[in-house]
Protein backbone atom coordinates (compact mmCIF):
# COMPACT_ATOMS: atom_id res chain seq x y z
CA MET A 1 20.72 -24.21 13.40
CA ARG A 2 20.68 -20.43 12.94
CA VAL A 3 17.44 -19.85 14.78
CA THR A 4 16.27 -18.49 18.09
CA ALA A 5 12.67 -18.11 19.20
CA GLY A 6 11.75 -15.43 21.63
CA LEU A 7 13.84 -12.67 23.15
CA LEU A 8 15.24 -15.55 23.51
CA LEU A 9 12.59 -18.23 24.10
CA ALA A 10 13.16 -18.06 27.82
CA SER A 11 12.40 -14.37 27.95
CA ALA A 12 9.39 -14.88 25.65
CA SER A 13 8.09 -17.42 28.16
CA LEU A 14 8.55 -14.89 30.96
CA VAL A 15 6.63 -12.26 29.00
CA ALA A 16 3.86 -14.73 28.30
CA SER A 17 3.76 -15.88 31.93
CA ALA A 18 3.47 -12.33 33.18
CA THR A 19 0.63 -11.68 30.76
CA PHE A 20 -1.17 -14.87 31.83
CA ALA A 21 -0.90 -13.90 35.49
CA ALA A 22 -2.25 -10.42 34.89
CA ALA A 23 -5.18 -11.66 32.86
CA GLN A 24 -5.71 -14.76 35.03
CA THR A 25 -6.19 -16.74 31.86
CA ASP A 26 -4.20 -18.24 29.02
CA PRO A 27 -4.67 -15.99 25.95
CA PHE A 28 -4.26 -19.09 23.78
CA ALA A 29 -6.86 -21.12 25.71
CA ASN A 30 -9.47 -20.53 22.99
CA PHE A 31 -7.05 -21.04 20.10
CA THR A 32 -8.55 -23.23 17.37
CA PRO A 33 -6.42 -24.81 14.64
CA VAL A 34 -6.82 -23.07 11.27
CA THR A 35 -7.96 -25.69 8.77
CA ASP A 36 -7.98 -25.55 4.98
CA ALA A 37 -11.78 -25.22 5.21
CA MET A 38 -11.41 -22.14 7.45
CA LEU A 39 -8.94 -20.60 5.03
CA ALA A 40 -11.41 -21.11 2.18
CA ASP A 41 -14.19 -19.46 4.23
CA PRO A 42 -12.62 -17.46 7.10
CA PRO A 43 -14.54 -16.44 10.23
CA ALA A 44 -15.76 -12.87 9.80
CA GLY A 45 -13.85 -11.66 12.85
CA ASP A 46 -10.46 -13.06 11.78
CA TRP A 47 -7.89 -11.86 9.24
CA LEU A 48 -6.12 -15.08 8.27
CA MET A 49 -3.97 -14.15 5.27
CA TRP A 50 -2.37 -11.28 3.39
CA ARG A 51 -5.55 -9.90 1.73
CA GLY A 52 -7.99 -11.51 4.16
CA THR A 53 -9.22 -14.26 1.83
CA GLN A 54 -7.78 -16.53 -0.85
CA ASN A 55 -9.46 -14.46 -3.57
CA HIS A 56 -7.43 -11.37 -2.52
CA TRP A 57 -10.45 -9.11 -2.00
CA GLY A 58 -8.92 -7.09 0.84
CA TYR A 59 -12.45 -7.04 2.29
CA SER A 60 -13.78 -7.55 5.81
CA PRO A 61 -17.52 -8.26 6.18
CA LEU A 62 -17.54 -6.61 9.63
CA ASP A 63 -20.07 -3.77 9.75
CA GLN A 64 -20.02 -2.35 13.28
CA ILE A 65 -18.09 0.65 11.96
CA THR A 66 -20.26 2.35 9.34
CA THR A 67 -20.48 5.46 7.20
CA ASP A 68 -22.65 6.96 9.96
CA ASN A 69 -20.36 6.39 12.96
CA VAL A 70 -16.84 6.22 11.48
CA GLY A 71 -16.24 9.78 12.65
CA ASP A 72 -16.11 8.42 16.20
CA LEU A 73 -13.11 6.13 15.53
CA ARG A 74 -10.34 6.48 18.11
CA ILE A 75 -6.89 4.98 18.60
CA VAL A 76 -7.23 2.23 21.22
CA TRP A 77 -3.66 0.95 21.21
CA SER A 78 -0.37 1.19 19.36
CA ARG A 79 2.98 -0.52 19.57
CA ALA A 80 6.44 0.32 18.24
CA MET A 81 8.00 -2.01 15.67
CA THR A 82 11.56 -2.75 14.56
CA GLU A 83 13.06 -0.27 12.12
CA GLY A 84 13.44 -1.18 8.46
CA HIS A 85 11.22 -1.24 5.39
CA GLN A 86 7.63 -1.27 6.64
CA GLU A 87 5.27 -3.16 4.34
CA ALA A 88 3.72 -5.50 6.92
CA THR A 89 0.29 -7.12 7.22
CA PRO A 90 -0.96 -8.28 10.63
CA LEU A 91 -2.88 -11.57 10.87
CA VAL A 92 -5.54 -12.03 13.56
CA HIS A 93 -6.98 -15.31 14.82
CA ASP A 94 -8.96 -15.95 18.02
CA GLY A 95 -7.99 -12.58 19.46
CA ILE A 96 -4.26 -12.99 18.78
CA MET A 97 -2.41 -10.74 16.32
CA TYR A 98 0.65 -12.08 14.51
CA ILE A 99 2.76 -9.39 12.88
CA PRO A 100 6.04 -9.58 10.95
CA HIS A 101 8.78 -7.01 11.43
CA PRO A 102 11.78 -6.34 9.18
CA ARG A 103 14.70 -8.77 9.56
CA ASP A 104 12.57 -11.85 10.30
CA ILE A 105 11.10 -10.85 13.63
CA ILE A 106 7.61 -12.21 14.32
CA GLN A 107 5.48 -11.15 17.30
CA ALA A 108 2.26 -12.50 18.76
CA LEU A 109 0.23 -9.76 20.45
CA ASP A 110 -3.03 -9.53 22.36
CA ALA A 111 -5.22 -8.04 19.61
CA THR A 112 -7.19 -5.91 22.11
CA THR A 113 -4.24 -4.31 23.92
CA GLY A 114 -1.06 -4.90 21.92
CA ASP A 115 0.56 -6.71 24.86
CA LEU A 116 3.41 -9.00 23.80
CA LEU A 117 2.69 -12.73 24.13
CA TRP A 118 5.78 -14.09 22.37
CA GLU A 119 8.49 -12.99 19.98
CA TYR A 120 10.66 -14.88 17.48
CA ARG A 121 13.96 -13.42 16.24
CA ARG A 122 15.80 -15.25 13.52
CA GLU A 123 19.59 -15.19 13.65
CA LEU A 124 20.47 -14.06 10.14
CA PRO A 125 23.96 -14.44 8.65
CA ALA A 126 26.15 -11.36 8.51
CA GLU A 127 26.76 -11.77 4.76
CA GLY A 128 24.89 -13.03 1.72
CA LEU A 129 21.55 -11.39 2.45
CA PRO A 130 19.55 -9.53 -0.22
CA SER A 131 19.72 -5.76 -0.35
CA ILE A 132 15.93 -5.61 0.08
CA ILE A 133 14.99 -6.91 3.54
CA LEU A 134 11.29 -6.73 4.26
CA THR A 135 8.41 -9.09 5.02
CA ARG A 136 4.96 -8.17 3.74
CA ASN A 137 3.10 -11.03 5.39
CA VAL A 138 3.14 -14.36 7.16
CA ALA A 139 0.62 -17.21 6.88
CA ILE A 140 -1.19 -19.42 9.39
CA TRP A 141 -2.16 -23.09 9.11
CA GLU A 142 -3.38 -25.43 11.87
CA ASP A 143 -1.30 -24.25 14.86
CA ARG A 144 1.64 -22.92 12.85
CA ILE A 145 2.84 -19.54 11.62
CA ILE A 146 4.58 -19.89 8.24
CA PHE A 147 6.98 -17.39 6.67
CA ASN A 148 9.76 -17.05 4.11
CA SER A 149 13.01 -16.02 5.76
CA LYS A 150 15.61 -13.66 4.35
CA ASP A 151 18.22 -16.43 4.30
CA ASN A 152 16.05 -18.55 1.97
CA PHE A 153 14.26 -20.86 4.38
CA LEU A 154 10.58 -21.65 4.69
CA VAL A 155 9.95 -21.58 8.45
CA ALA A 156 7.13 -22.96 10.62
CA LEU A 157 6.61 -21.67 14.17
CA ASP A 158 4.26 -22.88 16.89
CA ALA A 159 1.46 -20.29 16.89
CA ARG A 160 1.06 -20.62 20.68
CA THR A 161 4.69 -20.30 21.74
CA GLY A 162 6.80 -19.00 18.85
CA GLU A 163 9.02 -22.07 19.02
CA LEU A 164 10.53 -23.43 15.82
CA VAL A 165 8.64 -26.45 14.45
CA TRP A 166 10.65 -26.97 11.24
CA GLU A 167 12.60 -25.07 8.61
CA THR A 168 13.37 -26.01 5.00
CA GLU A 169 16.02 -24.40 2.82
CA VAL A 170 14.66 -23.14 -0.51
CA ARG A 171 17.41 -22.55 -3.05
CA GLY A 172 18.34 -22.97 -6.68
CA GLN A 173 21.67 -24.13 -8.08
CA GLU A 174 22.61 -20.54 -8.91
CA ASP A 175 20.95 -18.86 -5.99
CA TRP A 176 20.36 -15.15 -6.30
CA GLY A 177 16.77 -15.27 -5.11
CA TRP A 178 14.92 -14.12 -2.01
CA SER A 179 11.36 -13.67 -0.77
CA THR A 180 9.69 -10.43 0.30
CA SER A 181 6.17 -11.89 0.70
CA GLY A 182 4.76 -14.86 2.54
CA PRO A 183 3.06 -17.92 1.03
CA MET A 184 -0.51 -18.72 0.12
CA ILE A 185 -1.82 -21.79 1.98
CA ALA A 186 -3.59 -24.21 -0.36
CA ASN A 187 -4.47 -27.85 0.32
CA GLY A 188 -2.07 -28.17 3.23
CA MET A 189 0.80 -26.66 1.25
CA ALA A 190 2.67 -23.36 1.42
CA ILE A 191 2.89 -22.00 -2.13
CA SER A 192 5.11 -19.01 -2.83
CA GLY A 193 7.33 -17.23 -5.32
CA ARG A 194 10.34 -14.97 -5.00
CA SER A 195 12.45 -12.23 -6.44
CA CYS A 196 15.55 -13.27 -8.36
CA ALA A 197 18.69 -12.10 -10.13
CA GLN A 198 18.94 -8.81 -11.99
CA GLN A 199 22.33 -7.45 -13.03
CA THR A 200 24.36 -9.09 -10.26
CA GLY A 201 25.45 -12.68 -9.98
CA THR A 202 25.57 -15.32 -12.66
CA GLY A 203 21.86 -15.26 -13.43
CA GLY A 204 20.60 -18.36 -15.17
CA ALA A 205 17.19 -19.91 -15.63
CA ASP A 206 17.49 -21.83 -12.36
CA THR A 207 17.17 -18.76 -10.15
CA CYS A 208 13.49 -17.97 -10.70
CA PHE A 209 10.85 -20.41 -9.55
CA LEU A 210 7.63 -21.03 -7.62
CA THR A 211 7.48 -23.75 -4.96
CA ALA A 212 4.96 -25.72 -2.91
CA HIS A 213 5.90 -27.30 0.44
CA ASP A 214 4.03 -29.78 2.59
CA LEU A 215 3.06 -27.94 5.78
CA ALA A 216 3.25 -31.00 7.99
CA THR A 217 6.88 -31.75 7.17
CA GLY A 218 8.34 -28.87 5.15
CA GLU A 219 9.06 -31.19 2.23
CA GLU A 220 9.11 -29.58 -1.22
CA MET A 221 6.23 -30.97 -3.31
CA TRP A 222 6.80 -29.22 -6.65
CA ARG A 223 8.78 -26.46 -8.34
CA PHE A 224 7.81 -24.40 -11.40
CA TYR A 225 10.42 -22.30 -13.21
CA THR A 226 9.28 -18.86 -14.38
CA LEU A 227 12.17 -18.97 -16.85
CA PRO A 228 11.45 -22.05 -19.04
CA GLN A 229 14.16 -24.69 -18.90
CA PRO A 230 15.84 -26.31 -21.96
CA GLY A 231 13.33 -28.55 -23.70
CA GLU A 232 10.31 -26.92 -22.01
CA PRO A 233 7.65 -24.92 -23.88
CA GLY A 234 8.62 -21.25 -23.87
CA TYR A 235 12.38 -21.82 -23.83
CA GLU A 236 12.50 -20.79 -27.49
CA THR A 237 10.90 -17.38 -26.74
CA TRP A 238 14.16 -15.93 -25.40
CA ALA A 239 15.63 -15.16 -28.84
CA GLY A 240 18.55 -17.52 -28.35
CA ILE A 241 20.00 -15.68 -25.33
CA PRO A 242 22.35 -18.06 -23.42
CA ASP A 243 21.05 -19.54 -20.18
CA ASP A 244 23.52 -17.63 -18.02
CA ALA A 245 22.25 -14.31 -19.44
CA ARG A 246 18.57 -15.06 -18.76
CA ARG A 247 17.68 -13.24 -15.57
CA HIS A 248 14.89 -12.03 -13.33
CA VAL A 249 11.16 -12.80 -14.02
CA GLY A 250 10.47 -12.99 -10.30
CA SER A 251 7.13 -13.49 -8.61
CA TRP A 252 7.34 -11.49 -5.40
CA ILE A 253 3.72 -11.06 -4.30
CA THR A 254 1.58 -13.73 -2.59
CA PRO A 255 -0.55 -15.64 -5.13
CA SER A 256 -4.34 -15.97 -4.96
CA PHE A 257 -6.12 -19.36 -4.94
CA ASP A 258 -9.39 -20.78 -6.28
CA PRO A 259 -10.08 -24.01 -4.31
CA GLU A 260 -12.85 -25.10 -6.68
CA LEU A 261 -10.61 -24.89 -9.75
CA ASN A 262 -7.57 -25.90 -7.66
CA LEU A 263 -5.58 -23.14 -9.34
CA VAL A 264 -3.10 -20.69 -7.82
CA TYR A 265 -2.57 -17.43 -9.68
CA PHE A 266 0.87 -15.79 -9.80
CA GLY A 267 2.01 -12.59 -11.45
CA THR A 268 5.53 -12.13 -12.74
CA SER A 269 8.04 -9.32 -13.03
CA VAL A 270 10.16 -8.15 -15.95
CA THR A 271 13.36 -9.59 -17.38
CA SER A 272 16.79 -8.19 -16.70
CA PRO A 273 18.07 -6.28 -18.54
CA TYR A 274 14.84 -4.45 -19.31
CA SER A 275 15.95 -3.11 -22.69
CA LYS A 276 16.93 -5.96 -24.99
CA PHE A 277 18.27 -4.39 -28.18
CA TYR A 278 21.93 -5.09 -27.31
CA LYS A 279 21.14 -8.72 -26.41
CA VAL A 280 19.24 -9.68 -29.58
CA ASP A 281 18.89 -8.33 -33.12
CA ALA A 282 15.94 -6.15 -34.04
CA ALA A 283 14.04 -9.01 -35.67
CA ASN A 284 13.73 -10.73 -32.26
CA LEU A 285 12.71 -7.74 -30.13
CA ASP A 286 9.07 -8.83 -30.24
CA ASP A 287 9.77 -12.27 -28.71
CA GLU A 288 7.75 -13.00 -25.58
CA PHE A 289 10.65 -13.76 -23.21
CA LEU A 290 8.32 -16.00 -21.22
CA TYR A 291 7.06 -15.92 -18.60
CA GLN A 292 7.79 -12.25 -17.94
CA THR A 293 4.99 -9.77 -17.11
CA SER A 294 2.34 -12.50 -17.18
CA THR A 295 -0.45 -14.05 -15.17
CA LEU A 296 0.23 -17.76 -14.53
CA ALA A 297 -2.48 -20.25 -13.52
CA ILE A 298 -0.78 -23.20 -11.82
CA ASP A 299 -2.33 -26.52 -10.77
CA ALA A 300 -1.99 -26.40 -6.98
CA THR A 301 -1.49 -30.16 -6.67
CA THR A 302 1.04 -30.80 -9.42
CA GLY A 303 2.68 -27.44 -10.14
CA ASP A 304 1.79 -27.75 -13.84
CA LEU A 305 1.05 -24.64 -15.88
CA VAL A 306 -2.63 -24.66 -16.87
CA TRP A 307 -2.70 -21.34 -18.73
CA TYR A 308 -0.90 -18.02 -18.96
CA GLN A 309 -1.72 -14.55 -20.24
CA GLN A 310 1.17 -12.21 -21.03
CA HIS A 311 0.24 -8.57 -20.51
CA ILE A 312 3.23 -6.75 -22.04
CA ARG A 313 6.66 -7.51 -23.50
CA ASP A 314 8.64 -5.22 -21.27
CA GLN A 315 11.42 -2.78 -22.14
CA TRP A 316 10.96 -0.32 -19.24
CA ASP A 317 10.85 -2.15 -15.83
CA LEU A 318 7.04 -2.31 -15.74
CA ASP A 319 6.52 -5.40 -13.55
CA HIS A 320 3.22 -7.31 -13.36
CA PRO A 321 3.45 -9.34 -10.12
CA PHE A 322 0.66 -7.72 -8.09
CA GLU A 323 -2.48 -9.11 -6.46
CA ARG A 324 -4.80 -11.16 -8.69
CA ILE A 325 -8.40 -10.58 -7.53
CA LEU A 326 -10.95 -13.37 -8.09
CA VAL A 327 -14.63 -12.46 -8.48
CA ASP A 328 -17.74 -14.24 -9.78
CA THR A 329 -19.70 -11.57 -11.64
CA VAL A 330 -21.95 -10.71 -14.54
CA ILE A 331 -19.87 -8.99 -17.21
CA ALA A 332 -21.26 -6.23 -19.42
CA PRO A 333 -18.37 -3.89 -20.27
CA ASN A 334 -19.48 -0.42 -21.28
CA PRO A 335 -17.85 0.38 -24.67
CA ASP A 336 -17.98 4.09 -23.85
CA GLU A 337 -15.35 3.51 -21.14
CA VAL A 338 -13.82 0.11 -21.91
CA ARG A 339 -11.42 0.40 -24.82
CA TRP A 340 -10.78 -3.31 -25.48
CA ILE A 341 -13.62 -5.89 -25.41
CA SER A 342 -13.35 -9.47 -26.67
CA PRO A 343 -15.74 -10.32 -29.53
CA ASN A 344 -16.65 -13.43 -27.50
CA VAL A 345 -18.06 -11.48 -24.58
CA VAL A 346 -21.83 -11.90 -24.17
CA ALA A 347 -23.17 -8.97 -22.18
CA GLY A 348 -25.01 -10.17 -19.08
CA GLU A 349 -23.19 -13.49 -18.94
CA GLU A 350 -21.86 -14.54 -15.52
CA ARG A 351 -18.18 -15.43 -15.42
CA ARG A 352 -15.57 -16.51 -12.91
CA VAL A 353 -13.01 -13.81 -13.56
CA LEU A 354 -9.51 -12.90 -12.51
CA THR A 355 -9.69 -9.14 -12.57
CA GLY A 356 -8.07 -5.89 -11.57
CA ILE A 357 -4.77 -4.18 -12.28
CA PRO A 358 -1.98 -6.77 -12.35
CA GLY A 359 0.91 -4.50 -13.30
CA LYS A 360 2.55 -1.10 -13.41
CA THR A 361 0.84 0.04 -16.64
CA GLY A 362 -2.33 0.71 -14.62
CA ILE A 363 -4.43 -1.18 -17.18
CA PHE A 364 -7.43 -2.97 -15.66
CA TYR A 365 -8.11 -6.47 -17.04
CA SER A 366 -10.88 -9.03 -16.84
CA ILE A 367 -9.82 -12.61 -17.67
CA ASP A 368 -11.71 -15.89 -17.40
CA ARG A 369 -9.84 -17.54 -14.53
CA ALA A 370 -10.70 -21.09 -15.59
CA THR A 371 -9.35 -20.80 -19.14
CA GLY A 372 -7.23 -17.64 -19.32
CA GLU A 373 -9.48 -16.17 -22.03
CA PHE A 374 -9.12 -12.41 -22.41
CA LEU A 375 -12.48 -10.68 -21.81
CA TRP A 376 -11.86 -6.94 -21.61
CA ALA A 377 -9.38 -4.27 -20.55
CA ARG A 378 -9.40 -0.53 -19.94
CA GLU A 379 -6.92 2.20 -19.09
CA THR A 380 -6.91 4.11 -15.81
CA VAL A 381 -3.93 6.45 -15.34
CA TYR A 382 -2.06 7.91 -18.30
CA GLN A 383 0.18 5.40 -20.11
CA ASN A 384 2.11 5.46 -23.40
CA VAL A 385 3.64 1.95 -23.64
CA ILE A 386 0.58 0.10 -24.99
CA SER A 387 -1.03 1.43 -28.17
CA ASP A 388 -3.46 -1.43 -28.66
CA ILE A 389 -4.58 -4.82 -27.33
CA ASP A 390 -5.72 -7.65 -29.59
CA THR A 391 -9.24 -8.28 -28.28
CA ALA A 392 -9.18 -11.89 -29.49
CA THR A 393 -6.01 -12.83 -27.59
CA GLY A 394 -5.13 -10.07 -25.11
CA ARG A 395 -1.72 -9.52 -26.75
CA ALA A 396 -0.49 -5.94 -26.44
CA THR A 397 1.01 -3.79 -29.19
CA HIS A 398 3.83 -1.47 -28.14
CA PRO A 399 4.56 1.79 -29.97
CA VAL A 400 7.74 1.43 -32.00
CA GLU A 401 8.93 4.84 -30.87
CA MET A 402 8.82 3.71 -27.19
CA ILE A 403 11.17 0.74 -27.63
CA PRO A 404 14.83 1.58 -26.88
CA THR A 405 17.13 0.97 -29.86
CA ALA A 406 20.40 2.71 -28.97
CA ILE A 407 22.68 3.54 -26.07
CA GLY A 408 22.11 7.06 -24.77
CA GLN A 409 18.54 7.21 -26.05
CA SER A 410 16.16 9.18 -23.83
CA LEU A 411 12.46 8.37 -23.57
CA GLN A 412 9.63 9.65 -21.42
CA VAL A 413 7.93 6.50 -20.19
CA CYS A 414 4.47 6.56 -18.60
CA PRO A 415 3.88 5.16 -16.06
CA PRO A 416 7.37 5.01 -14.51
CA ALA A 417 9.21 2.19 -12.76
CA VAL A 418 7.22 2.88 -9.57
CA GLY A 419 4.16 2.21 -11.66
CA GLY A 420 0.76 3.61 -12.27
CA LYS A 421 0.08 0.72 -9.89
CA ASP A 422 2.73 -0.82 -7.63
CA TRP A 423 2.75 -3.24 -4.67
CA PRO A 424 0.28 -1.17 -2.54
CA ALA A 425 -2.84 -3.29 -2.90
CA GLY A 426 -6.30 -2.45 -4.12
CA ALA A 427 -9.47 -3.77 -2.46
CA TYR A 428 -12.75 -5.19 -3.79
CA SER A 429 -16.17 -4.69 -2.22
CA PRO A 430 -19.07 -7.07 -2.90
CA LEU A 431 -21.39 -4.26 -1.74
CA THR A 432 -20.60 -2.24 -4.88
CA ASN A 433 -18.98 -4.89 -7.15
CA THR A 434 -16.13 -2.42 -7.44
CA ILE A 435 -12.35 -2.61 -6.99
CA TYR A 436 -10.68 0.46 -5.53
CA TYR A 437 -7.05 1.12 -6.40
CA PRO A 438 -4.26 3.39 -5.12
CA LEU A 439 -2.62 4.68 -8.32
CA HIS A 440 0.00 7.21 -9.46
CA ASN A 441 -0.20 9.93 -12.12
CA LEU A 442 3.50 9.73 -12.95
CA CYS A 443 6.07 9.34 -15.74
CA MET A 444 9.84 8.93 -15.89
CA ASN A 445 12.61 9.97 -18.23
CA SER A 446 14.71 6.90 -18.99
CA ILE A 447 18.15 6.88 -20.57
CA THR A 448 19.47 3.67 -22.11
CA LEU A 449 22.89 2.65 -20.81
CA GLU A 450 25.29 -0.11 -21.86
CA THR A 451 23.87 -2.51 -19.28
CA ASP A 452 20.31 -1.27 -18.82
CA ILE A 453 18.30 1.94 -18.43
CA ARG A 454 18.83 4.75 -15.97
CA LEU A 455 15.64 5.95 -14.36
CA SER A 456 15.62 9.69 -13.77
CA PRO A 457 13.43 11.42 -11.14
CA TYR A 458 9.71 10.90 -11.60
CA VAL A 459 7.49 13.67 -12.93
CA LEU A 460 3.76 14.23 -13.11
CA ALA A 461 2.01 12.68 -16.09
CA PRO A 462 0.70 14.99 -18.84
CA GLY A 463 -2.38 16.82 -17.60
CA ALA A 464 -1.99 15.66 -14.00
CA THR A 465 -1.86 18.04 -11.03
CA ASN A 466 -1.59 15.38 -8.29
CA ALA A 467 0.75 12.42 -7.87
CA GLY A 468 -1.71 10.18 -6.04
CA THR A 469 -5.18 8.99 -6.89
CA ILE A 470 -7.77 6.42 -5.81
CA ARG A 471 -10.12 5.11 -8.47
CA GLY A 472 -13.08 2.78 -8.26
CA ILE A 473 -13.64 0.47 -11.25
CA ASN A 474 -16.84 -1.55 -11.51
CA VAL A 475 -16.10 -5.22 -12.20
CA GLU A 476 -19.25 -5.79 -14.26
CA THR A 477 -19.20 -2.73 -16.52
CA GLY A 478 -15.62 -1.50 -16.35
CA GLU A 479 -16.94 1.97 -15.55
CA GLN A 480 -14.99 4.29 -13.28
CA THR A 481 -17.38 4.89 -10.38
CA TRP A 482 -15.39 7.72 -8.78
CA ILE A 483 -11.93 9.25 -8.55
CA TRP A 484 -10.21 10.96 -5.63
CA GLU A 485 -6.89 12.75 -6.08
CA ASN A 486 -4.18 13.68 -3.62
CA ALA A 487 -0.86 15.49 -3.89
CA THR A 488 0.79 12.51 -2.17
CA PRO A 489 0.90 8.90 -3.46
CA GLN A 490 -1.67 6.57 -1.91
CA MET A 491 -0.93 3.26 -0.20
CA SER A 492 -2.81 -0.02 0.32
CA LEU A 493 -6.60 -0.12 0.78
CA LEU A 494 -9.19 -2.06 2.81
CA THR A 495 -12.96 -2.39 2.24
CA THR A 496 -15.47 -3.34 4.96
CA GLY A 497 -19.08 -4.45 5.29
CA GLY A 498 -19.89 -1.05 6.78
CA GLY A 499 -19.60 0.55 3.32
CA LEU A 500 -16.17 2.00 4.06
CA LEU A 501 -12.84 2.13 2.24
CA PHE A 502 -9.77 2.68 4.43
CA GLY A 503 -6.37 3.79 3.16
CA GLY A 504 -3.37 5.91 4.02
CA ASP A 505 -0.80 7.97 2.16
CA VAL A 506 2.86 8.92 2.19
CA ASN A 507 2.11 12.14 4.10
CA ARG A 508 0.90 10.31 7.28
CA ARG A 509 -2.84 10.66 6.58
CA PHE A 510 -5.10 7.65 7.17
CA ARG A 511 -8.65 8.06 5.87
CA ALA A 512 -12.04 6.42 5.62
CA PHE A 513 -13.95 6.93 2.37
CA ASP A 514 -17.54 6.19 1.44
CA GLN A 515 -17.43 3.29 -1.03
CA GLU A 516 -20.37 4.66 -2.99
CA THR A 517 -19.25 8.26 -3.41
CA GLY A 518 -15.55 8.52 -2.60
CA ASP A 519 -16.29 11.18 0.04
CA VAL A 520 -13.75 11.39 2.87
CA LEU A 521 -15.66 10.65 6.09
CA TRP A 522 -12.80 10.52 8.61
CA GLU A 523 -9.10 11.33 8.75
CA GLN A 524 -6.34 10.68 11.26
CA ILE A 525 -2.79 12.07 11.15
CA MET A 526 -0.46 9.18 11.88
CA PRO A 527 3.03 9.20 13.44
CA ALA A 528 4.67 8.02 10.19
CA GLN A 529 4.00 7.20 6.55
CA VAL A 530 1.29 4.57 6.12
CA GLY A 531 3.49 1.85 4.65
CA GLY A 532 1.66 -1.28 5.79
CA PHE A 533 -1.53 -3.07 4.77
CA PRO A 534 -4.69 -2.19 6.77
CA VAL A 535 -6.89 -4.98 8.16
CA SER A 536 -10.07 -5.30 10.20
CA TYR A 537 -10.94 -7.86 12.87
CA GLU A 538 -13.30 -8.44 15.79
CA VAL A 539 -12.72 -9.56 19.38
CA ASP A 540 -15.55 -9.97 21.91
CA GLY A 541 -18.01 -8.18 19.65
CA ARG A 542 -15.82 -5.13 19.03
CA GLN A 543 -14.53 -4.28 15.53
CA TYR A 544 -10.99 -2.98 15.11
CA ILE A 545 -9.11 -1.35 12.23
CA ALA A 546 -5.33 -1.91 12.32
CA VAL A 547 -2.59 -0.53 10.08
CA PRO A 548 1.22 -0.69 10.30
CA VAL A 549 2.95 2.64 9.66
CA GLY A 550 6.53 3.55 8.79
CA SER A 551 8.84 4.11 5.84
CA PHE A 552 8.84 1.57 3.04
CA LEU A 553 11.03 0.59 0.11
CA LEU A 554 9.91 3.43 -2.20
CA SER A 555 9.58 6.14 0.44
CA GLY A 556 12.43 8.21 -0.96
CA ALA A 557 11.03 8.20 -4.49
CA TYR A 558 7.56 9.17 -3.29
CA THR A 559 8.51 11.87 -0.80
CA GLY A 560 10.75 13.50 -3.41
CA LEU A 561 7.67 14.30 -5.47
CA ASN A 562 6.47 16.83 -2.88
CA PRO A 563 9.43 18.62 -1.28
CA ASP A 564 7.08 20.77 0.79
CA GLN A 565 5.79 17.66 2.56
CA ARG A 566 8.25 16.24 5.07
CA PRO A 567 6.61 13.23 6.70
CA GLY A 568 9.88 11.90 8.15
CA THR A 569 11.36 8.45 7.83
CA GLY A 570 11.24 5.36 10.02
CA GLY A 571 8.95 5.41 13.04
CA ASN A 572 7.58 1.90 12.46
CA ALA A 573 4.53 1.03 14.57
CA ILE A 574 1.17 -0.72 14.49
CA ILE A 575 -1.80 1.59 15.13
CA VAL A 576 -5.23 0.16 16.05
CA PHE A 577 -8.59 1.96 16.02
CA ALA A 578 -12.08 1.17 17.33
CA LEU A 579 -15.30 2.95 18.28
CA PRO A 580 -15.68 3.98 21.93
CA GLU A 581 -16.82 0.99 24.01
CA ASN A 582 -19.93 2.75 25.25
């Protein structure tokens, strides 16, 4: 068993014992098991999953910190973290913070002080690990912390001690897959996707799949392949490419979940290679290559595909795996701002929608989440890869001149491979019925090679003067409520019941914005780039804002856009803010 818990477990017990003695109480004495019902409707003071709730709002209802007093926010504690790619999300339950570090290190901290309660360090093999080693989030269920390890195991730890409860290997026959995000907990199961083969390895349709595991035992309950298998619907959409040349179509962000519909919603990445002209003849270039760049609605109990909506047929590395936000709302898209509206939309009708920006094109969609029906879509940042969308079906049209057709061909593609939108998450506020997004005003020059495309340095999009931007898009009307621009790319966002929007950037600035106006109300210079996902929680009546900082996977690409800004690299830490106690 390649696992240790603690610094080792014995030293973790010593740390915990010392903490207990100092506080004269067991910090886990008030720990309550996290049920499926709690996950469906979390306590306001907890942050129990990646985006706070199963609908991926990225919203905390806590309102102690407001637009009036946010200027008084102060750092109340911080703690250094292990070096590596920093894209972490802390969870908080009953005053305990659980935070993942790079290389499968999990810590439990006192959420009011940052004091270490226990630590788990996984013994990873020296070889065979993916080149991308990061953990965006862990999950919690009952008294267990659940995460996807870098050596392809689903792991359950005791939330009170950090001890291993069980581990289950998750592999395919041709295994070139790995997980960068944790699972969604749904009906007592851990449901997650993964990244998979690109140019390396043997590829094959077996490498890319979604899985569900029973949380009591670790047993695999179902598996869904994002590359359709022989005899399955969608297999024929790959233009006759042999199985061993069908690669990628990963799903590397945590899915959202609607417990009433019993559907989990995944997004998928592109194929590999991106450009397909040397794999198939020109007559087949418009094939779907399912289920790339799509939204998938999966039955949480059976793993069956209920519906899918494909957003683009990629040629440029424009993935679509990002957060799917679930909102019940009246829809009345404004035709003055919304370019594509279904003829079936009845203005003023209430719908259960899956909405937001699912992929790198930066296009904002509204889709009926029960049926997959396309409702409306609009552009945000500049893009030149979609010329039209069929409003009856949601199928995109791609300009012929933007599709690579020869080796050595050079194209300016907008947005670039880092996206108009990338993995930094947007946040929805029920106070304004608006989703706020960190976006990029960027393009890339791509050159087609014999095996794929070469992505040259990123440049500003036509007409843009800033690389980073935050935009608010109203979910009912599709109208852009406000825009804020910044020379530096923006990172993940958080909304709160106090009318605030929190978010940081690549240049170490962490800010609070007014949700209504976009005005900056507070700013703090951080010790490193703001690579992690901000959260809010409450302990003993006091509201906290926490954010992990440090360099992340795309730091080099982003910092290169502004050579005058030198934020540094590394410096991973968790920084926590609150109002003064008096």
